[in-house]
Amino acid sequence: MRIVRITVVLGALLACALPAAHAGEPVPSVHVAGIADPEMRSYRSVAAGLDAFDAHRELAPHATLRFRMRHADGAPANADDGLQLRLASDDGRFQESVPVDAAGLLTLARDQAAYDADATFILNRKNGKYTGHPEVRTAGLPDDVRRLGDLRLECRVTIAIVKHDMPFLAKAALSTLMMTSDWCGKKDFNFGVPAARRDARAVLRDGARSRTLDTRGWNVMVPIGDPAWPDDALVQFGDGAPDAATRTADGTPRTAP
């Protein structure tokens, strides 16, 4: 039985929590061996993400949570991929289809029967070919614009799913490394946000203040842990993103190269 590897990009997600670098300098990151790309196979792990979404709704009170399917290399899935997803228990007594739309998006609601059956996700493709990522969006924004509070909530959903199946010692070690159990709230924590295309340009804006963000393959590194940026700040992706002045770590313009 082929079980879909619905994963989160934890290696990019955990570019974390060392002293802030000046603009133009590489942001230090920490990659923890053995926990990158953990499988999110069970409905119960998704339920942990739904709990986190409800617990932190103040970050994005008007947002909705869906999941987006992507190719293993990060490219978004679409109708041409012909994806069919279902939930099923090991004993076969529970079966339920999970519709995936033409944009590769799916909605996962609370389902006590799936939880009680410890159902897992099964995709009509070989293991390792596709991944799934939580996506939190406030209605009314263009597709190429993301609200920072949405991304802060998206991070908490992602981490809740990761932690559900992570061994206790791995969670404890990472919390010790980051000096907090609230990984997404750690100052200078950079969240790897999947973009619509590889090496996408992205700028974080709040009024007249702006900052060009680092891109790593399909992921844009967003400083969700920096409290100086409010939840209503916006990340704009693509060629339409305005040029941002080179700035220091606290967001003020640099006066020297």
Protein backbone atom coordinates (compact mmCIF):
# COMPACT_ATOMS: atom_id res chain seq x y z
CA MET A 1 0.00 0.00 0.00
CA ARG A 2 1.54 3.30 -1.08
CA ILE A 3 1.39 5.95 1.60
CA VAL A 4 1.83 9.59 0.63
CA ARG A 5 4.77 11.38 2.18
CA ILE A 6 3.12 14.63 3.19
CA THR A 7 6.11 16.51 4.58
CA VAL A 8 7.33 19.86 5.78
CA VAL A 9 10.64 21.35 4.76
CA LEU A 10 12.11 21.46 8.22
CA GLY A 11 15.66 22.02 7.08
CA ALA A 12 14.67 25.32 5.45
CA LEU A 13 12.13 26.03 8.16
CA LEU A 14 14.81 25.86 10.86
CA ALA A 15 17.12 28.56 9.57
CA CYS A 16 17.05 29.91 13.05
CA ALA A 17 17.84 32.02 16.00
CA LEU A 18 21.45 33.09 15.89
CA PRO A 19 22.42 36.79 16.23
CA ALA A 20 20.97 38.79 13.36
CA ALA A 21 23.24 39.42 10.38
CA HIS A 22 23.55 42.77 8.63
CA ALA A 23 21.82 43.16 5.30
CA GLY A 24 23.89 41.68 2.52
CA GLU A 25 25.46 39.10 4.85
CA PRO A 26 24.30 35.47 4.93
CA VAL A 27 21.83 34.67 7.70
CA PRO A 28 23.25 31.82 9.81
CA SER A 29 21.19 28.68 9.97
CA VAL A 30 21.03 25.44 11.88
CA HIS A 31 20.19 22.13 10.20
CA VAL A 32 19.47 19.21 12.51
CA ALA A 33 20.35 15.84 10.99
CA GLY A 34 17.73 13.13 11.22
CA ILE A 35 14.60 15.28 11.42
CA ALA A 36 14.53 17.01 8.04
CA ASP A 37 11.47 16.19 5.95
CA PRO A 38 9.60 14.06 8.51
CA GLU A 39 6.62 12.15 7.12
CA MET A 40 3.18 13.47 8.00
CA ARG A 41 1.35 10.24 7.20
CA SER A 42 -1.36 10.06 9.83
CA TYR A 43 -4.57 12.00 10.22
CA ARG A 44 -3.71 12.37 13.90
CA SER A 45 -0.65 14.45 13.05
CA VAL A 46 -2.84 16.68 10.89
CA ALA A 47 -5.27 16.99 13.80
CA ALA A 48 -2.40 18.39 15.89
CA GLY A 49 -1.96 21.04 13.20
CA LEU A 50 -5.68 21.85 13.27
CA ASP A 51 -5.43 22.29 17.06
CA ALA A 52 -2.54 24.73 16.60
CA PHE A 53 -4.52 26.66 13.98
CA ASP A 54 -7.41 27.12 16.42
CA ALA A 55 -5.12 27.94 19.36
CA HIS A 56 -3.30 30.77 17.55
CA ARG A 57 -6.09 32.29 15.47
CA GLU A 58 -5.31 35.76 16.85
CA LEU A 59 -2.36 35.85 14.41
CA ALA A 60 -4.70 35.58 11.42
CA PRO A 61 -8.33 35.93 12.57
CA HIS A 62 -9.78 35.96 9.04
CA ALA A 63 -7.57 33.27 7.48
CA THR A 64 -8.34 29.75 6.31
CA LEU A 65 -6.09 26.68 6.43
CA ARG A 66 -5.58 24.40 3.46
CA PHE A 67 -2.77 22.12 2.30
CA ARG A 68 -0.91 22.44 -0.99
CA MET A 69 0.58 19.46 -2.80
CA ARG A 70 4.02 19.91 -4.36
CA HIS A 71 6.51 17.83 -6.28
CA ALA A 72 9.39 16.57 -4.17
CA ASP A 73 11.66 19.22 -5.70
CA GLY A 74 9.29 21.98 -4.52
CA ALA A 75 7.37 22.71 -7.72
CA PRO A 76 3.61 23.16 -7.13
CA ALA A 77 1.32 20.36 -8.24
CA ASN A 78 -1.53 21.08 -10.66
CA ALA A 79 -4.33 19.37 -12.57
CA ASP A 80 -1.87 17.72 -14.98
CA ASP A 81 -0.50 15.63 -12.08
CA GLY A 82 -3.82 13.78 -11.73
CA LEU A 83 -3.46 13.40 -7.96
CA GLN A 84 -6.00 11.31 -6.05
CA LEU A 85 -5.74 11.23 -2.27
CA ARG A 86 -7.62 9.23 0.33
CA LEU A 87 -7.60 8.38 4.01
CA ALA A 88 -7.64 4.73 5.05
CA SER A 89 -7.12 2.62 8.14
CA ASP A 90 -4.70 -0.30 8.15
CA ASP A 91 -7.54 -2.79 8.61
CA GLY A 92 -9.48 -1.34 5.67
CA ARG A 93 -12.59 -0.60 7.70
CA PHE A 94 -12.22 3.17 7.23
CA GLN A 95 -11.97 4.66 3.74
CA GLU A 96 -12.53 8.29 2.73
CA SER A 97 -11.55 10.27 -0.37
CA VAL A 98 -9.80 13.65 0.02
CA PRO A 99 -10.45 15.88 -3.03
CA VAL A 100 -7.42 17.69 -4.50
CA ASP A 101 -8.34 20.65 -6.71
CA ALA A 102 -6.74 21.77 -9.97
CA ALA A 103 -4.29 24.01 -8.08
CA GLY A 104 -3.10 21.12 -5.91
CA LEU A 105 -4.99 22.38 -2.84
CA LEU A 106 -7.00 20.33 -0.37
CA THR A 107 -8.98 21.04 2.77
CA LEU A 108 -8.76 18.78 5.81
CA ALA A 109 -11.56 19.16 8.32
CA ARG A 110 -11.89 17.58 11.74
CA ASP A 111 -12.89 13.96 11.36
CA GLN A 112 -13.33 11.94 14.54
CA ALA A 113 -13.78 8.70 12.63
CA ALA A 114 -10.46 9.18 10.83
CA TYR A 115 -8.80 10.04 14.14
CA ASP A 116 -10.20 6.98 15.94
CA ALA A 117 -9.19 4.71 13.06
CA ASP A 118 -5.65 6.19 13.05
CA ALA A 119 -6.11 6.63 9.30
CA THR A 120 -3.20 7.43 7.01
CA PHE A 121 -2.99 9.35 3.73
CA ILE A 122 -2.64 7.30 0.54
CA LEU A 123 -1.75 8.89 -2.79
CA ASN A 124 -1.97 7.36 -6.28
CA ARG A 125 1.75 7.97 -6.78
CA LYS A 126 4.99 6.38 -5.56
CA ASN A 127 6.33 7.40 -2.16
CA GLY A 128 8.63 10.41 -2.18
CA LYS A 129 7.27 11.95 -5.38
CA TYR A 130 5.02 14.56 -3.73
CA THR A 131 4.82 16.47 -0.47
CA GLY A 132 2.09 18.50 1.22
CA HIS A 133 2.43 21.79 3.08
CA PRO A 134 0.03 23.72 5.32
CA GLU A 135 -1.00 27.03 3.74
CA VAL A 136 -2.71 29.78 5.76
CA ARG A 137 -4.19 32.66 3.77
CA THR A 138 -6.35 35.68 4.54
CA ALA A 139 -9.00 36.23 1.87
CA GLY A 140 -8.76 39.27 -0.38
CA LEU A 141 -5.00 39.30 -0.95
CA PRO A 142 -3.50 38.63 -4.40
CA ASP A 143 -2.01 35.19 -4.96
CA ASP A 144 1.52 36.64 -4.94
CA VAL A 145 1.11 38.43 -1.59
CA ARG A 146 1.31 36.77 1.82
CA ARG A 147 0.44 38.38 5.18
CA LEU A 148 3.09 37.95 7.89
CA GLY A 149 0.56 36.94 10.57
CA ASP A 150 -0.70 34.21 8.23
CA LEU A 151 2.85 32.89 7.90
CA ARG A 152 3.36 32.99 11.66
CA LEU A 153 0.23 30.88 12.06
CA GLU A 154 1.29 28.61 9.19
CA CYS A 155 4.57 27.99 11.00
CA ARG A 156 2.74 26.96 14.18
CA VAL A 157 0.55 24.55 12.25
CA THR A 158 3.63 23.08 10.56
CA ILE A 159 5.58 22.71 13.78
CA ALA A 160 2.62 21.10 15.57
CA ILE A 161 2.48 18.45 12.82
CA VAL A 162 6.25 17.93 12.99
CA LYS A 163 6.28 17.63 16.78
CA HIS A 164 3.42 15.11 16.84
CA ASP A 165 5.56 12.37 15.33
CA MET A 166 9.01 13.58 16.38
CA PRO A 167 10.75 11.49 19.08
CA PHE A 168 10.80 13.13 22.50
CA LEU A 169 14.59 13.34 22.63
CA ALA A 170 14.72 15.07 19.24
CA LYS A 171 12.13 17.65 20.38
CA ALA A 172 14.02 18.21 23.62
CA ALA A 173 17.35 18.60 21.83
CA LEU A 174 15.98 21.12 19.35
CA SER A 175 14.17 23.09 22.06
CA THR A 176 17.45 23.22 24.01
CA LEU A 177 19.31 24.39 20.91
CA MET A 178 16.78 27.14 20.30
CA MET A 179 16.41 27.90 24.03
CA THR A 180 12.61 27.79 23.73
CA SER A 181 9.84 25.29 23.00
CA ASP A 182 8.08 27.97 20.91
CA TRP A 183 10.23 27.55 17.83
CA CYS A 184 8.18 29.86 15.61
CA GLY A 185 8.30 32.63 18.23
CA LYS A 186 12.08 32.57 18.57
CA LYS A 187 13.62 35.94 17.73
CA ASP A 188 15.45 35.89 14.37
CA PHE A 189 13.66 32.66 13.40
CA ASN A 190 13.36 32.47 9.60
CA PHE A 191 10.48 30.43 8.19
CA GLY A 192 10.96 28.75 4.81
CA VAL A 193 7.85 29.67 2.80
CA PRO A 194 7.33 27.68 -0.43
CA ALA A 195 7.04 30.00 -3.44
CA ALA A 196 5.20 29.59 -6.74
CA ARG A 197 8.48 29.29 -8.63
CA ARG A 198 12.12 28.51 -7.93
CA ASP A 199 14.41 31.38 -6.87
CA ALA A 200 11.44 33.72 -6.59
CA ARG A 201 12.06 37.36 -5.73
CA ALA A 202 10.32 38.45 -2.51
CA VAL A 203 10.14 41.67 -0.49
CA LEU A 204 8.73 42.15 3.00
CA ARG A 205 6.90 45.50 3.37
CA ASP A 206 5.28 47.48 6.18
CA GLY A 207 4.36 50.99 5.06
CA ALA A 208 7.52 52.72 3.80
CA ARG A 209 9.79 50.09 5.35
CA SER A 210 10.92 47.16 3.22
CA ARG A 211 13.41 44.32 3.15
CA THR A 212 14.43 42.00 0.33
CA LEU A 213 14.25 38.40 1.52
CA ASP A 214 16.71 35.57 0.99
CA THR A 215 15.63 32.78 -1.35
CA ARG A 216 16.85 29.19 -1.15
CA GLY A 217 15.59 27.17 -4.08
CA TRP A 218 11.81 27.02 -3.80
CA ASN A 219 11.78 28.54 -0.29
CA VAL A 220 11.76 32.21 0.69
CA MET A 221 13.15 32.82 4.17
CA VAL A 222 10.72 35.06 6.09
CA PRO A 223 11.72 36.58 9.48
CA ILE A 224 8.56 35.60 11.34
CA GLY A 225 10.37 35.69 14.69
CA ASP A 226 11.28 39.38 14.44
CA PRO A 227 8.73 41.31 16.56
CA ALA A 228 9.65 44.56 14.80
CA TRP A 229 7.56 43.39 11.84
CA PRO A 230 3.79 43.46 12.61
CA ASP A 231 1.35 40.72 11.66
CA ASP A 232 -0.14 42.95 8.95
CA ALA A 233 3.21 43.33 7.14
CA LEU A 234 3.10 41.83 3.65
CA VAL A 235 5.46 39.63 1.65
CA GLN A 236 5.20 40.27 -2.09
CA PHE A 237 6.54 37.62 -4.47
CA GLY A 238 7.56 37.83 -8.11
CA ASP A 239 8.72 40.46 -10.56
CA GLY A 240 6.12 42.90 -9.24
CA ALA A 241 7.86 43.11 -5.87
CA PRO A 242 9.28 46.64 -5.46
CA ASP A 243 12.98 47.23 -4.95
CA ALA A 244 13.93 47.42 -1.31
CA ALA A 245 16.67 49.70 0.00
CA THR A 246 19.63 47.89 1.51
CA ARG A 247 19.05 47.96 5.26
CA THR A 248 20.67 46.93 8.50
CA ALA A 249 19.32 44.10 10.65
CA ASP A 250 16.93 46.44 12.49
CA GLY A 251 15.41 47.64 9.20
CA THR A 252 17.03 51.10 9.00
CA PRO A 253 18.73 52.14 5.73
CA ARG A 254 22.47 51.51 5.51
CA THR A 255 24.60 54.62 5.02
CA ALA A 256 27.69 52.82 3.81
CA PRO A 257 28.40 49.85 1.53
